[in-house]
Amino acid sequence: MRRRTGLQALLAIAAGLTLPLPAHAGGQIEEPLADSIRTALSAAIANTAPPVPEFTDTEARLAYLRWLGAMSERLRKNKTEWPQRRDFLQTVWYESRRAGLDVALVLGLIQVESNFRKFAVSSVGARGYMQVMPFWSRLIGDGDAGKLFHMQTNLRFGCVILRHYLERERGDLFMALGRYNGSRGKPQYPNAVFAAQRKWQYSDAPAAR
């Protein structure tokens, strides 16, 4: 069994103390948070470490570079410039691993949510790559929803929120994705993310610490 990261463990403990959340399909609503989960999420967001991967050995680094090259080719249609693709993929990889999430899953979610558009805004005001609702900035950030258009900030929020929902659903990814989308229990959104996830799967997965 894979050992949980400190972030995962903290959110798992706090998730059990979260207040009940009514679910409304079609639009994620603001979630009432217990103080413990608010504190855990705020701490997870506040860590400003740069998204620079660290590796246990040379082979792990080479595996990462092979992954980066493969994903860069798949992303070329959406992001034509190599430096932009590199920075984006490095940050997705870092934030996904930091939150204990599958990188291909996060890329699939981004594809479904925004089709890799940094400044995407939904009809209900969700922002950026991972379509983070502005109320999260007030709940666990500094209140500046404009920062959700910053690449690392958006990916940090999105990954931490998805991990939070996964803990809430006791590891049930189908239900966690539905909660992320505001359509908990309905299959359309989770199935779309799972289908997109397959495009981003890579067999030579790099290891990191």
N, C-alpha and C. Protein backbone atom coordinates (compact mmCIF):
# COMPACT_ATOMS: atom_id res chain seq x y z
N MET A 1 0.85 -1.20 0.00
CA MET A 1 0.00 0.00 0.00
C MET A 1 0.88 1.25 0.00
N ARG A 2 0.57 2.20 -0.89
CA ARG A 2 1.37 3.40 -0.98
C ARG A 2 1.15 4.28 0.23
N ARG A 3 2.26 4.79 0.78
CA ARG A 3 2.16 5.63 1.96
C ARG A 3 1.58 7.00 1.60
N ARG A 4 0.72 7.50 2.43
CA ARG A 4 0.11 8.80 2.17
C ARG A 4 1.13 9.91 2.36
N THR A 5 0.98 10.99 1.58
CA THR A 5 1.76 12.18 1.81
C THR A 5 1.21 12.90 3.03
N GLY A 6 2.01 13.84 3.58
CA GLY A 6 1.52 14.61 4.72
C GLY A 6 0.24 15.35 4.40
N LEU A 7 0.15 15.89 3.19
CA LEU A 7 -1.07 16.60 2.79
C LEU A 7 -2.26 15.66 2.79
N GLN A 8 -2.10 14.47 2.21
CA GLN A 8 -3.20 13.50 2.17
C GLN A 8 -3.65 13.12 3.58
N ALA A 9 -2.69 12.85 4.44
CA ALA A 9 -3.04 12.43 5.80
C ALA A 9 -3.78 13.52 6.54
N LEU A 10 -3.31 14.76 6.39
CA LEU A 10 -3.96 15.89 7.07
C LEU A 10 -5.39 16.07 6.59
N LEU A 11 -5.58 16.00 5.28
CA LEU A 11 -6.93 16.17 4.73
C LEU A 11 -7.83 15.00 5.10
N ALA A 12 -7.27 13.82 5.19
CA ALA A 12 -8.07 12.64 5.54
C ALA A 12 -8.63 12.78 6.95
N ILE A 13 -7.79 13.27 7.87
CA ILE A 13 -8.25 13.45 9.25
C ILE A 13 -9.33 14.53 9.31
N ALA A 14 -9.06 15.64 8.63
CA ALA A 14 -10.00 16.76 8.69
C ALA A 14 -11.30 16.45 7.96
N ALA A 15 -11.25 15.62 6.91
CA ALA A 15 -12.45 15.34 6.12
C ALA A 15 -13.55 14.73 6.98
N GLY A 16 -13.16 13.97 7.96
CA GLY A 16 -14.16 13.35 8.81
C GLY A 16 -14.92 14.34 9.67
N LEU A 17 -14.40 15.59 9.76
CA LEU A 17 -15.03 16.61 10.58
C LEU A 17 -15.77 17.65 9.75
N THR A 18 -15.82 17.44 8.41
CA THR A 18 -16.48 18.41 7.54
C THR A 18 -17.98 18.38 7.76
N LEU A 19 -18.61 19.55 7.71
CA LEU A 19 -20.05 19.63 7.87
C LEU A 19 -20.77 19.03 6.69
N PRO A 20 -22.02 18.58 6.84
CA PRO A 20 -22.75 17.96 5.74
C PRO A 20 -22.87 18.91 4.55
N LEU A 21 -22.77 18.34 3.33
CA LEU A 21 -22.83 19.13 2.12
C LEU A 21 -23.96 18.67 1.23
N PRO A 22 -24.97 19.52 0.98
CA PRO A 22 -25.99 19.15 0.01
C PRO A 22 -25.41 19.17 -1.39
N ALA A 23 -25.83 18.26 -2.26
CA ALA A 23 -25.30 18.17 -3.61
C ALA A 23 -26.36 18.60 -4.61
N HIS A 24 -25.98 19.49 -5.50
CA HIS A 24 -26.88 19.96 -6.55
C HIS A 24 -26.20 19.75 -7.89
N ALA A 25 -26.75 18.89 -8.73
CA ALA A 25 -26.17 18.60 -10.03
C ALA A 25 -26.15 19.85 -10.89
N GLY A 26 -25.09 20.00 -11.66
CA GLY A 26 -25.02 21.08 -12.63
C GLY A 26 -24.34 22.34 -12.15
N GLY A 27 -24.04 22.47 -10.87
CA GLY A 27 -23.34 23.66 -10.40
C GLY A 27 -22.84 23.47 -8.99
N GLN A 28 -21.52 23.38 -8.83
CA GLN A 28 -20.93 23.19 -7.50
C GLN A 28 -21.31 24.36 -6.60
N ILE A 29 -21.77 24.05 -5.41
CA ILE A 29 -22.15 25.11 -4.48
C ILE A 29 -21.06 25.28 -3.43
N GLU A 30 -21.12 26.40 -2.75
CA GLU A 30 -20.13 26.65 -1.71
C GLU A 30 -20.32 25.66 -0.58
N GLU A 31 -19.23 25.10 -0.14
CA GLU A 31 -19.24 24.03 0.85
C GLU A 31 -19.00 24.56 2.25
N PRO A 32 -19.87 24.26 3.21
CA PRO A 32 -19.59 24.64 4.60
C PRO A 32 -18.45 23.79 5.14
N LEU A 33 -17.43 24.44 5.64
CA LEU A 33 -16.24 23.73 6.09
C LEU A 33 -16.06 23.84 7.59
N ALA A 34 -15.73 22.73 8.21
CA ALA A 34 -15.31 22.76 9.61
C ALA A 34 -13.97 23.49 9.71
N ASP A 35 -13.68 24.04 10.88
CA ASP A 35 -12.44 24.78 11.05
C ASP A 35 -11.21 23.93 10.71
N SER A 36 -11.27 22.65 11.05
CA SER A 36 -10.12 21.78 10.83
C SER A 36 -9.81 21.63 9.35
N ILE A 37 -10.84 21.42 8.53
CA ILE A 37 -10.60 21.23 7.10
C ILE A 37 -10.20 22.55 6.45
N ARG A 38 -10.80 23.65 6.92
CA ARG A 38 -10.41 24.96 6.39
C ARG A 38 -8.93 25.23 6.66
N THR A 39 -8.50 24.91 7.87
CA THR A 39 -7.10 25.11 8.23
C THR A 39 -6.18 24.23 7.39
N ALA A 40 -6.57 22.96 7.21
CA ALA A 40 -5.76 22.03 6.42
C ALA A 40 -5.66 22.48 4.97
N LEU A 41 -6.77 22.87 4.40
CA LEU A 41 -6.77 23.30 3.00
C LEU A 41 -5.99 24.60 2.83
N SER A 42 -6.17 25.52 3.77
CA SER A 42 -5.45 26.79 3.70
C SER A 42 -3.94 26.57 3.76
N ALA A 43 -3.52 25.66 4.64
CA ALA A 43 -2.10 25.36 4.76
C ALA A 43 -1.57 24.72 3.48
N ALA A 44 -2.38 23.86 2.87
CA ALA A 44 -1.96 23.20 1.64
C ALA A 44 -1.81 24.20 0.50
N ILE A 45 -2.69 25.18 0.46
CA ILE A 45 -2.64 26.20 -0.58
C ILE A 45 -1.49 27.17 -0.35
N ALA A 46 -1.22 27.50 0.90
CA ALA A 46 -0.27 28.56 1.24
C ALA A 46 1.18 28.19 0.95
N ASN A 47 1.50 26.92 0.88
CA ASN A 47 2.87 26.50 0.61
C ASN A 47 3.28 26.98 -0.78
N THR A 48 4.24 27.88 -0.85
CA THR A 48 4.60 28.50 -2.12
C THR A 48 5.85 27.90 -2.76
N ALA A 49 6.21 26.69 -2.39
CA ALA A 49 7.39 26.07 -2.98
C ALA A 49 7.26 26.01 -4.50
N PRO A 50 8.31 26.35 -5.24
CA PRO A 50 8.22 26.31 -6.71
C PRO A 50 8.04 24.87 -7.20
N PRO A 51 7.37 24.69 -8.34
CA PRO A 51 7.08 23.34 -8.84
C PRO A 51 8.27 22.71 -9.53
N VAL A 52 9.33 22.48 -8.79
CA VAL A 52 10.54 21.90 -9.35
C VAL A 52 10.65 20.45 -8.90
N PRO A 53 10.53 19.49 -9.82
CA PRO A 53 10.61 18.06 -9.43
C PRO A 53 11.98 17.71 -8.86
N GLU A 54 11.97 16.85 -7.88
CA GLU A 54 13.21 16.29 -7.32
C GLU A 54 13.13 14.79 -7.46
N PHE A 55 14.27 14.16 -7.74
CA PHE A 55 14.28 12.74 -8.07
C PHE A 55 15.24 11.97 -7.18
N THR A 56 14.91 10.71 -6.98
CA THR A 56 15.73 9.87 -6.11
C THR A 56 17.02 9.42 -6.78
N ASP A 57 17.03 9.35 -8.12
CA ASP A 57 18.22 8.91 -8.84
C ASP A 57 18.14 9.36 -10.30
N THR A 58 19.19 9.09 -11.03
CA THR A 58 19.27 9.53 -12.43
C THR A 58 18.21 8.89 -13.28
N GLU A 59 17.93 7.61 -13.08
CA GLU A 59 16.93 6.93 -13.90
C GLU A 59 15.54 7.54 -13.70
N ALA A 60 15.24 7.92 -12.47
CA ALA A 60 13.94 8.55 -12.22
C ALA A 60 13.84 9.88 -12.97
N ARG A 61 14.94 10.63 -12.99
CA ARG A 61 14.93 11.89 -13.73
C ARG A 61 14.78 11.65 -15.23
N LEU A 62 15.48 10.65 -15.76
CA LEU A 62 15.36 10.33 -17.18
C LEU A 62 13.95 9.88 -17.53
N ALA A 63 13.31 9.12 -16.62
CA ALA A 63 11.92 8.70 -16.84
C ALA A 63 11.00 9.91 -16.91
N TYR A 64 11.25 10.87 -16.03
CA TYR A 64 10.45 12.11 -16.06
C TYR A 64 10.63 12.85 -17.38
N LEU A 65 11.87 12.93 -17.84
CA LEU A 65 12.13 13.65 -19.09
C LEU A 65 11.49 12.94 -20.28
N ARG A 66 11.45 11.60 -20.24
CA ARG A 66 10.76 10.86 -21.31
C ARG A 66 9.26 11.15 -21.26
N TRP A 67 8.71 11.15 -20.05
CA TRP A 67 7.28 11.50 -19.89
C TRP A 67 7.02 12.90 -20.41
N LEU A 68 7.88 13.84 -20.05
CA LEU A 68 7.71 15.22 -20.47
C LEU A 68 7.71 15.34 -21.99
N GLY A 69 8.62 14.62 -22.64
CA GLY A 69 8.67 14.65 -24.09
C GLY A 69 7.42 14.08 -24.74
N ALA A 70 6.95 12.96 -24.19
CA ALA A 70 5.74 12.33 -24.74
C ALA A 70 4.52 13.21 -24.54
N MET A 71 4.37 13.78 -23.35
CA MET A 71 3.21 14.63 -23.08
C MET A 71 3.28 15.92 -23.89
N SER A 72 4.49 16.43 -24.12
CA SER A 72 4.64 17.65 -24.90
C SER A 72 4.10 17.47 -26.31
N GLU A 73 4.38 16.32 -26.89
CA GLU A 73 3.86 16.06 -28.24
C GLU A 73 2.33 15.99 -28.24
N ARG A 74 1.76 15.39 -27.23
CA ARG A 74 0.30 15.27 -27.16
C ARG A 74 -0.37 16.62 -26.92
N LEU A 75 0.37 17.53 -26.30
CA LEU A 75 -0.21 18.82 -25.94
C LEU A 75 0.06 19.90 -27.00
N ARG A 76 0.81 19.55 -28.02
CA ARG A 76 1.27 20.55 -28.99
C ARG A 76 0.13 21.34 -29.62
N LYS A 77 -1.00 20.68 -29.91
CA LYS A 77 -2.12 21.38 -30.55
C LYS A 77 -2.71 22.47 -29.65
N ASN A 78 -2.65 22.23 -28.35
CA ASN A 78 -3.23 23.19 -27.41
C ASN A 78 -2.27 24.29 -27.00
N LYS A 79 -0.99 23.93 -26.95
CA LYS A 79 0.04 24.91 -26.56
C LYS A 79 1.19 24.77 -27.54
N THR A 80 1.30 25.72 -28.44
CA THR A 80 2.24 25.57 -29.56
C THR A 80 3.69 25.84 -29.18
N GLU A 81 3.92 26.64 -28.14
CA GLU A 81 5.28 27.01 -27.76
C GLU A 81 5.86 26.04 -26.73
N TRP A 82 7.06 25.53 -26.99
CA TRP A 82 7.69 24.55 -26.11
C TRP A 82 7.88 25.07 -24.68
N PRO A 83 8.41 26.28 -24.46
CA PRO A 83 8.57 26.72 -23.06
C PRO A 83 7.25 26.73 -22.29
N GLN A 84 6.17 27.12 -22.96
CA GLN A 84 4.86 27.14 -22.32
C GLN A 84 4.41 25.72 -21.97
N ARG A 85 4.59 24.80 -22.90
CA ARG A 85 4.22 23.39 -22.64
C ARG A 85 5.05 22.81 -21.50
N ARG A 86 6.34 23.09 -21.53
CA ARG A 86 7.23 22.55 -20.49
C ARG A 86 6.83 23.04 -19.12
N ASP A 87 6.63 24.35 -18.98
CA ASP A 87 6.28 24.90 -17.68
C ASP A 87 4.93 24.37 -17.20
N PHE A 88 3.97 24.29 -18.10
CA PHE A 88 2.65 23.79 -17.74
C PHE A 88 2.72 22.34 -17.28
N LEU A 89 3.38 21.49 -18.07
CA LEU A 89 3.44 20.07 -17.74
C LEU A 89 4.24 19.83 -16.46
N GLN A 90 5.31 20.57 -16.27
CA GLN A 90 6.09 20.43 -15.04
C GLN A 90 5.24 20.77 -13.83
N THR A 91 4.44 21.82 -13.95
CA THR A 91 3.61 22.25 -12.82
C THR A 91 2.48 21.27 -12.56
N VAL A 92 1.85 20.77 -13.63
CA VAL A 92 0.81 19.74 -13.45
C VAL A 92 1.39 18.51 -12.78
N TRP A 93 2.55 18.08 -13.24
CA TRP A 93 3.19 16.89 -12.67
C TRP A 93 3.48 17.11 -11.18
N TYR A 94 4.05 18.27 -10.85
CA TYR A 94 4.41 18.57 -9.48
C TYR A 94 3.18 18.65 -8.58
N GLU A 95 2.17 19.40 -8.99
CA GLU A 95 1.00 19.59 -8.15
C GLU A 95 0.17 18.32 -8.02
N SER A 96 0.10 17.53 -9.07
CA SER A 96 -0.61 16.25 -9.00
C SER A 96 0.06 15.32 -8.00
N ARG A 97 1.38 15.17 -8.13
CA ARG A 97 2.11 14.29 -7.22
C ARG A 97 2.05 14.79 -5.79
N ARG A 98 2.12 16.09 -5.62
CA ARG A 98 2.06 16.67 -4.28
C ARG A 98 0.74 16.34 -3.59
N ALA A 99 -0.35 16.32 -4.36
CA ALA A 99 -1.67 16.02 -3.80
C ALA A 99 -1.99 14.53 -3.83
N GLY A 100 -1.07 13.71 -4.29
CA GLY A 100 -1.31 12.27 -4.33
C GLY A 100 -2.30 11.86 -5.40
N LEU A 101 -2.31 12.59 -6.53
CA LEU A 101 -3.25 12.30 -7.62
C LEU A 101 -2.50 11.77 -8.84
N ASP A 102 -3.20 10.99 -9.63
CA ASP A 102 -2.64 10.50 -10.88
C ASP A 102 -2.51 11.67 -11.86
N VAL A 103 -1.32 11.83 -12.44
CA VAL A 103 -1.08 12.96 -13.33
C VAL A 103 -1.98 12.89 -14.56
N ALA A 104 -2.17 11.69 -15.10
CA ALA A 104 -3.03 11.54 -16.28
C ALA A 104 -4.47 11.92 -15.95
N LEU A 105 -4.91 11.61 -14.74
CA LEU A 105 -6.26 11.99 -14.32
C LEU A 105 -6.40 13.51 -14.29
N VAL A 106 -5.42 14.20 -13.74
CA VAL A 106 -5.49 15.66 -13.65
C VAL A 106 -5.46 16.27 -15.05
N LEU A 107 -4.63 15.75 -15.93
CA LEU A 107 -4.60 16.25 -17.30
C LEU A 107 -5.94 16.01 -18.00
N GLY A 108 -6.54 14.84 -17.75
CA GLY A 108 -7.85 14.57 -18.31
C GLY A 108 -8.90 15.52 -17.79
N LEU A 109 -8.85 15.81 -16.50
CA LEU A 109 -9.80 16.76 -15.91
C LEU A 109 -9.63 18.15 -16.51
N ILE A 110 -8.39 18.58 -16.69
CA ILE A 110 -8.14 19.89 -17.29
C ILE A 110 -8.67 19.93 -18.72
N GLN A 111 -8.47 18.85 -19.45
CA GLN A 111 -8.98 18.80 -20.82
C GLN A 111 -10.50 18.98 -20.85
N VAL A 112 -11.18 18.28 -19.96
CA VAL A 112 -12.65 18.36 -19.91
C VAL A 112 -13.10 19.73 -19.41
N GLU A 113 -12.44 20.25 -18.39
CA GLU A 113 -12.88 21.49 -17.76
C GLU A 113 -12.62 22.73 -18.62
N SER A 114 -11.43 22.84 -19.18
CA SER A 114 -11.05 24.10 -19.85
C SER A 114 -10.41 23.90 -21.22
N ASN A 115 -10.17 22.64 -21.60
CA ASN A 115 -9.42 22.34 -22.83
C ASN A 115 -8.09 23.10 -22.86
N PHE A 116 -7.47 23.15 -21.68
CA PHE A 116 -6.13 23.72 -21.51
C PHE A 116 -6.07 25.22 -21.77
N ARG A 117 -7.17 25.93 -21.52
CA ARG A 117 -7.21 27.38 -21.68
C ARG A 117 -7.01 28.05 -20.31
N LYS A 118 -5.95 28.78 -20.20
CA LYS A 118 -5.56 29.40 -18.94
C LYS A 118 -6.61 30.37 -18.42
N PHE A 119 -7.26 31.12 -19.31
CA PHE A 119 -8.19 32.16 -18.89
C PHE A 119 -9.65 31.77 -19.12
N ALA A 120 -9.91 30.47 -19.15
CA ALA A 120 -11.29 30.02 -19.34
C ALA A 120 -12.15 30.44 -18.16
N VAL A 121 -13.39 30.88 -18.45
CA VAL A 121 -14.36 31.24 -17.41
C VAL A 121 -15.68 30.58 -17.78
N SER A 122 -16.26 29.84 -16.84
CA SER A 122 -17.51 29.13 -17.10
C SER A 122 -18.71 30.04 -16.91
N SER A 123 -19.88 29.54 -17.25
CA SER A 123 -21.10 30.33 -17.10
C SER A 123 -21.43 30.65 -15.64
N VAL A 124 -20.86 29.85 -14.72
CA VAL A 124 -21.10 30.12 -13.29
C VAL A 124 -19.88 30.75 -12.62
N GLY A 125 -18.89 31.17 -13.44
CA GLY A 125 -17.76 31.92 -12.90
C GLY A 125 -16.53 31.12 -12.53
N ALA A 126 -16.52 29.80 -12.77
CA ALA A 126 -15.33 29.00 -12.49
C ALA A 126 -14.18 29.46 -13.37
N ARG A 127 -12.97 29.42 -12.85
CA ARG A 127 -11.85 30.07 -13.52
C ARG A 127 -10.66 29.15 -13.79
N GLY A 128 -10.03 29.40 -14.93
CA GLY A 128 -8.73 28.82 -15.22
C GLY A 128 -8.74 27.38 -15.66
N TYR A 129 -7.55 26.81 -15.67
CA TYR A 129 -7.33 25.46 -16.18
C TYR A 129 -8.26 24.44 -15.53
N MET A 130 -8.35 24.47 -14.20
CA MET A 130 -9.13 23.47 -13.47
C MET A 130 -10.49 24.00 -13.03
N GLN A 131 -10.87 25.15 -13.59
CA GLN A 131 -12.18 25.73 -13.36
C GLN A 131 -12.53 25.78 -11.86
N VAL A 132 -11.71 26.50 -11.15
CA VAL A 132 -11.88 26.65 -9.70
C VAL A 132 -12.90 27.76 -9.44
N MET A 133 -13.87 27.47 -8.58
CA MET A 133 -14.88 28.46 -8.25
C MET A 133 -14.27 29.57 -7.38
N PRO A 134 -14.61 30.84 -7.64
CA PRO A 134 -14.00 31.95 -6.90
C PRO A 134 -14.18 31.88 -5.39
N PHE A 135 -15.26 31.25 -4.91
CA PHE A 135 -15.47 31.23 -3.45
C PHE A 135 -14.35 30.52 -2.72
N TRP A 136 -13.62 29.62 -3.42
CA TRP A 136 -12.51 28.94 -2.76
C TRP A 136 -11.42 29.93 -2.34
N SER A 137 -11.24 31.00 -3.11
CA SER A 137 -10.24 32.00 -2.74
C SER A 137 -10.57 32.63 -1.39
N ARG A 138 -11.85 32.84 -1.16
CA ARG A 138 -12.28 33.42 0.11
C ARG A 138 -12.21 32.41 1.24
N LEU A 139 -12.56 31.15 0.95
CA LEU A 139 -12.59 30.12 1.99
C LEU A 139 -11.21 29.71 2.47
N ILE A 140 -10.29 29.54 1.53
CA ILE A 140 -8.99 28.97 1.92
C ILE A 140 -7.80 29.75 1.38
N GLY A 141 -8.06 30.83 0.63
CA GLY A 141 -6.98 31.64 0.10
C GLY A 141 -6.95 33.02 0.74
N ASP A 142 -6.45 33.99 -0.03
CA ASP A 142 -6.34 35.36 0.49
C ASP A 142 -7.49 36.23 0.02
N GLY A 143 -8.48 35.64 -0.64
CA GLY A 143 -9.64 36.39 -1.08
C GLY A 143 -9.53 37.00 -2.46
N ASP A 144 -8.37 36.89 -3.09
CA ASP A 144 -8.15 37.47 -4.42
C ASP A 144 -8.42 36.41 -5.49
N ALA A 145 -9.64 36.39 -6.01
CA ALA A 145 -10.01 35.39 -7.01
C ALA A 145 -9.28 35.59 -8.32
N GLY A 146 -8.74 36.78 -8.55
CA GLY A 146 -7.98 37.03 -9.77
C GLY A 146 -6.75 36.13 -9.87
N LYS A 147 -6.22 35.72 -8.72
CA LYS A 147 -5.03 34.86 -8.73
C LYS A 147 -5.32 33.46 -9.27
N LEU A 148 -6.61 33.11 -9.41
CA LEU A 148 -6.96 31.79 -9.95
C LEU A 148 -6.61 31.67 -11.42
N PHE A 149 -6.23 32.78 -12.06
CA PHE A 149 -5.75 32.72 -13.44
C PHE A 149 -4.24 32.51 -13.50
N HIS A 150 -3.58 32.54 -12.35
CA HIS A 150 -2.15 32.23 -12.30
C HIS A 150 -2.00 30.72 -12.39
N MET A 151 -1.11 30.25 -13.25
CA MET A 151 -1.03 28.82 -13.55
C MET A 151 -0.84 27.96 -12.30
N GLN A 152 0.22 28.19 -11.54
CA GLN A 152 0.47 27.32 -10.40
C GLN A 152 -0.61 27.45 -9.34
N THR A 153 -1.12 28.66 -9.13
CA THR A 153 -2.18 28.86 -8.15
C THR A 153 -3.42 28.07 -8.53
N ASN A 154 -3.80 28.13 -9.79
CA ASN A 154 -4.99 27.41 -10.24
C ASN A 154 -4.81 25.91 -10.10
N LEU A 155 -3.65 25.41 -10.52
CA LEU A 155 -3.41 23.97 -10.44
C LEU A 155 -3.28 23.52 -8.98
N ARG A 156 -2.71 24.36 -8.13
CA ARG A 156 -2.59 24.04 -6.71
C ARG A 156 -3.98 23.92 -6.09
N PHE A 157 -4.83 24.94 -6.33
CA PHE A 157 -6.18 24.91 -5.80
C PHE A 157 -6.94 23.69 -6.33
N GLY A 158 -6.91 23.48 -7.64
CA GLY A 158 -7.67 22.39 -8.24
C GLY A 158 -7.28 21.03 -7.69
N CYS A 159 -5.97 20.78 -7.57
CA CYS A 159 -5.51 19.48 -7.09
C CYS A 159 -5.84 19.29 -5.61
N VAL A 160 -5.66 20.33 -4.81
CA VAL A 160 -5.98 20.22 -3.38
C VAL A 160 -7.48 20.01 -3.17
N ILE A 161 -8.30 20.71 -3.96
CA ILE A 161 -9.75 20.55 -3.83
C ILE A 161 -10.18 19.14 -4.26
N LEU A 162 -9.61 18.64 -5.35
CA LEU A 162 -9.97 17.28 -5.78
C LEU A 162 -9.54 16.26 -4.73
N ARG A 163 -8.36 16.43 -4.14
CA ARG A 163 -7.91 15.51 -3.07
C ARG A 163 -8.87 15.59 -1.89
N HIS A 164 -9.31 16.80 -1.55
CA HIS A 164 -10.28 16.98 -0.47
C HIS A 164 -11.55 16.20 -0.76
N TYR A 165 -12.07 16.31 -1.97
CA TYR A 165 -13.29 15.59 -2.33
C TYR A 165 -13.07 14.08 -2.34
N LEU A 166 -11.87 13.66 -2.73
CA LEU A 166 -11.57 12.23 -2.72
C LEU A 166 -11.55 11.69 -1.29
N GLU A 167 -11.03 12.48 -0.37
CA GLU A 167 -11.07 12.08 1.03
C GLU A 167 -12.51 12.06 1.54
N ARG A 168 -13.29 13.06 1.16
CA ARG A 168 -14.69 13.10 1.57
C ARG A 168 -15.45 11.86 1.11
N GLU A 169 -15.10 11.38 -0.09
CA GLU A 169 -15.79 10.22 -0.66
C GLU A 169 -15.08 8.91 -0.36
N ARG A 170 -14.17 8.93 0.59
CA ARG A 170 -13.46 7.73 1.07
C ARG A 170 -12.81 6.96 -0.08
N GLY A 171 -12.17 7.71 -0.99
CA GLY A 171 -11.41 7.10 -2.06
C GLY A 171 -12.21 6.77 -3.31
N ASP A 172 -13.49 7.07 -3.32
CA ASP A 172 -14.34 6.78 -4.48
C ASP A 172 -14.15 7.90 -5.51
N LEU A 173 -13.34 7.63 -6.53
CA LEU A 173 -12.99 8.65 -7.50
C LEU A 173 -14.19 9.09 -8.34
N PHE A 174 -15.06 8.16 -8.66
CA PHE A 174 -16.26 8.49 -9.43
C PHE A 174 -17.09 9.55 -8.69
N MET A 175 -17.31 9.35 -7.41
CA MET A 175 -18.11 10.28 -6.63
C MET A 175 -17.35 11.59 -6.39
N ALA A 176 -16.03 11.50 -6.20
CA ALA A 176 -15.23 12.71 -5.98
C ALA A 176 -15.25 13.61 -7.21
N LEU A 177 -15.17 13.02 -8.38
CA LEU A 177 -15.22 13.82 -9.61
C LEU A 177 -16.59 14.47 -9.77
N GLY A 178 -17.64 13.73 -9.44
CA GLY A 178 -18.97 14.31 -9.50
C GLY A 178 -19.11 15.48 -8.56
N ARG A 179 -18.53 15.37 -7.38
CA ARG A 179 -18.58 16.47 -6.41
C ARG A 179 -17.78 17.67 -6.93
N TYR A 180 -16.66 17.41 -7.57
CA TYR A 180 -15.84 18.49 -8.13
C TYR A 180 -16.63 19.27 -9.17
N ASN A 181 -17.43 18.57 -9.95
CA ASN A 181 -18.22 19.18 -11.02
C ASN A 181 -19.56 19.71 -10.56
N GLY A 182 -19.99 19.32 -9.37
CA GLY A 182 -21.31 19.70 -8.90
C GLY A 182 -22.41 18.81 -9.41
N SER A 183 -22.05 17.59 -9.83
CA SER A 183 -23.05 16.65 -10.35
C SER A 183 -22.90 15.28 -9.68
N ARG A 184 -22.66 15.31 -8.39
CA ARG A 184 -22.37 14.10 -7.62
C ARG A 184 -23.41 13.01 -7.88
N GLY A 185 -22.91 11.79 -8.22
CA GLY A 185 -23.78 10.65 -8.44
C GLY A 185 -24.21 10.46 -9.88
N LYS A 186 -23.95 11.45 -10.73
CA LYS A 186 -24.31 11.34 -12.15
C LYS A 186 -23.08 10.95 -12.96
N PRO A 187 -23.24 10.14 -14.00
CA PRO A 187 -22.07 9.56 -14.67
C PRO A 187 -21.42 10.42 -15.75
N GLN A 188 -22.10 11.43 -16.26
CA GLN A 188 -21.59 12.10 -17.46
C GLN A 188 -20.20 12.71 -17.25
N TYR A 189 -20.05 13.47 -16.18
CA TYR A 189 -18.77 14.14 -15.97
C TYR A 189 -17.64 13.16 -15.61
N PRO A 190 -17.82 12.29 -14.62
CA PRO A 190 -16.73 11.34 -14.34
C PRO A 190 -16.35 10.52 -15.57
N ASN A 191 -17.32 10.07 -16.34
CA ASN A 191 -17.01 9.27 -17.53
C ASN A 191 -16.23 10.07 -18.56
N ALA A 192 -16.54 11.37 -18.69
CA ALA A 192 -15.80 12.22 -19.62
C ALA A 192 -14.35 12.37 -19.17
N VAL A 193 -14.14 12.54 -17.86
CA VAL A 193 -12.78 12.68 -17.34
C VAL A 193 -12.01 11.38 -17.50
N PHE A 194 -12.64 10.26 -17.20
CA PHE A 194 -11.96 8.97 -17.36
C PHE A 194 -11.58 8.72 -18.82
N ALA A 195 -12.45 9.11 -19.75
CA ALA A 195 -12.14 8.94 -21.17
C ALA A 195 -10.96 9.82 -21.57
N ALA A 196 -10.94 11.07 -21.09
CA ALA A 196 -9.83 11.97 -21.39
C ALA A 196 -8.55 11.50 -20.72
N GLN A 197 -8.65 10.92 -19.53
CA GLN A 197 -7.49 10.43 -18.81
C GLN A 197 -6.69 9.43 -19.64
N ARG A 198 -7.39 8.61 -20.41
CA ARG A 198 -6.71 7.58 -21.20
C ARG A 198 -5.75 8.19 -22.22
N LYS A 199 -6.06 9.37 -22.71
CA LYS A 199 -5.18 10.04 -23.68
C LYS A 199 -3.84 10.40 -23.05
N TRP A 200 -3.84 10.62 -21.75
CA TRP A 200 -2.64 11.14 -21.08
C TRP A 200 -1.90 10.08 -20.27
N GLN A 201 -2.34 8.84 -20.35
CA GLN A 201 -1.64 7.78 -19.63
C GLN A 201 -0.29 7.49 -20.28
N TYR A 202 0.66 7.11 -19.45
CA TYR A 202 2.02 6.87 -19.93
C TYR A 202 2.61 5.73 -19.11
N SER A 203 3.16 4.74 -19.76
CA SER A 203 3.56 3.51 -19.06
C SER A 203 4.88 3.66 -18.30
N ASP A 204 5.76 4.50 -18.77
CA ASP A 204 7.08 4.66 -18.12
C ASP A 204 6.98 5.77 -17.08
N ALA A 205 6.16 5.55 -16.07
CA ALA A 205 5.87 6.61 -15.09
C ALA A 205 7.11 6.94 -14.26
N PRO A 206 7.49 8.22 -14.16
CA PRO A 206 8.65 8.60 -13.36
C PRO A 206 8.36 8.59 -11.88
N ALA A 207 9.37 8.30 -11.08
CA ALA A 207 9.23 8.34 -9.63
C ALA A 207 9.91 9.58 -9.10
N ALA A 208 9.39 10.10 -8.01
CA ALA A 208 9.99 11.30 -7.42
C ALA A 208 9.84 11.22 -5.92
N ARG A 209 10.52 12.11 -5.24
CA ARG A 209 10.37 12.18 -3.78
C ARG A 209 9.74 13.48 -3.36
